[in-house]
Amino acid sequence: MRTAIDTNVISALWSAEPLAHAISGFLGEALRSGGLVICAPVHAELVAHPKAKGLLNNNMYNMRIQRVLSLGAGQECVVPFRV
């Protein structure tokens, strides 16, 4: 089962919030259980994050997070990040 990640989760990691270590552990468990994905709106919000410049693709690639792109008519495509 894939786990969809919200913007706030990635933002907490990038901002080193107090729960970042625990969040990292939960994401590791989710990755082992089937993978991590973000949708297009989350990707757009992350691009606006102050720490995203030059790091977004590398961070998503290193965390093995994939993007879910809508193809219309209820169809989706999962696309990995590239560095």
Protein backbone atom coordinates (compact mmCIF):
# COMPACT_ATOMS: atom_id res chain seq x y z
CA MET A 1 0.00 0.00 0.00
CA ARG A 2 1.36 3.42 -0.97
CA THR A 3 1.22 6.28 1.52
CA ALA A 4 0.34 9.78 0.30
CA ILE A 5 2.28 12.51 2.09
CA ASP A 6 0.95 15.98 2.85
CA THR A 7 2.99 19.16 2.44
CA ASN A 8 3.14 19.69 6.20
CA VAL A 9 4.99 16.41 6.71
CA ILE A 10 7.82 17.30 4.29
CA SER A 11 7.88 20.88 5.56
CA ALA A 12 8.35 19.63 9.13
CA LEU A 13 11.35 17.56 8.02
CA TRP A 14 12.94 20.40 6.06
CA SER A 15 12.38 22.86 8.92
CA ALA A 16 13.78 20.43 11.52
CA GLU A 17 10.68 20.73 13.68
CA PRO A 18 10.74 18.89 17.04
CA LEU A 19 8.88 15.85 15.65
CA ALA A 20 11.07 15.56 12.54
CA HIS A 21 12.92 12.50 13.85
CA ALA A 22 9.66 10.68 14.64
CA ILE A 23 8.20 11.68 11.26
CA SER A 24 11.28 10.28 9.54
CA GLY A 25 10.75 6.96 11.32
CA PHE A 26 7.09 6.79 10.32
CA LEU A 27 7.99 7.57 6.70
CA GLY A 28 10.58 4.78 6.75
CA GLU A 29 7.93 2.33 7.91
CA ALA A 30 5.52 3.54 5.22
CA LEU A 31 8.23 3.21 2.58
CA ARG A 32 8.86 -0.41 3.56
CA SER A 33 5.11 -1.06 3.48
CA GLY A 34 4.65 -0.02 -0.12
CA GLY A 35 6.08 3.36 -0.99
CA LEU A 36 5.57 7.08 -0.61
CA VAL A 37 3.82 9.43 -3.03
CA ILE A 38 2.86 13.09 -3.28
CA CYS A 39 0.17 14.56 -5.51
CA ALA A 40 0.60 17.51 -7.86
CA PRO A 41 -0.81 20.12 -5.42
CA VAL A 42 1.64 18.98 -2.72
CA HIS A 43 4.51 19.21 -5.21
CA ALA A 44 3.42 22.76 -6.10
CA GLU A 45 3.31 23.76 -2.43
CA LEU A 46 6.74 22.26 -1.77
CA VAL A 47 8.24 24.25 -4.65
CA ALA A 48 7.24 27.39 -2.71
CA HIS A 49 9.00 26.23 0.48
CA PRO A 50 12.03 28.40 1.39
CA LYS A 51 14.32 25.35 1.52
CA ALA A 52 13.12 23.88 -1.78
CA LYS A 53 15.45 25.83 -4.06
CA GLY A 54 17.85 23.30 -5.54
CA LEU A 55 16.87 20.63 -3.03
CA LEU A 56 13.40 19.49 -3.98
CA ASN A 57 14.26 16.82 -6.55
CA ASN A 58 17.30 15.58 -4.58
CA ASN A 59 15.30 15.27 -1.35
CA MET A 60 12.38 13.52 -3.01
CA TYR A 61 14.75 11.17 -4.87
CA ASN A 62 16.74 10.35 -1.73
CA MET A 63 13.54 9.70 0.23
CA ARG A 64 12.24 7.57 -2.66
CA ILE A 65 9.06 9.62 -2.89
CA GLN A 66 7.17 9.50 -6.18
CA ARG A 67 4.70 11.92 -7.76
CA VAL A 68 1.17 10.90 -8.68
CA LEU A 69 0.06 12.68 -11.83
CA SER A 70 -3.55 12.77 -12.95
CA LEU A 71 -4.08 11.76 -16.57
CA GLY A 72 -7.77 12.65 -16.52
CA ALA A 73 -10.81 10.37 -16.68
CA GLY A 74 -9.87 8.89 -13.30
CA GLN A 75 -6.47 7.61 -14.46
CA GLU A 76 -3.21 8.28 -12.65
CA CYS A 77 0.47 7.75 -13.33
CA VAL A 78 3.22 7.39 -10.70
CA VAL A 79 6.46 9.13 -11.67
CA PRO A 80 9.74 8.96 -9.71
CA PHE A 81 11.82 12.07 -9.10
CA ARG A 82 15.07 12.36 -11.05
CA VAL A 83 18.29 14.00 -9.92
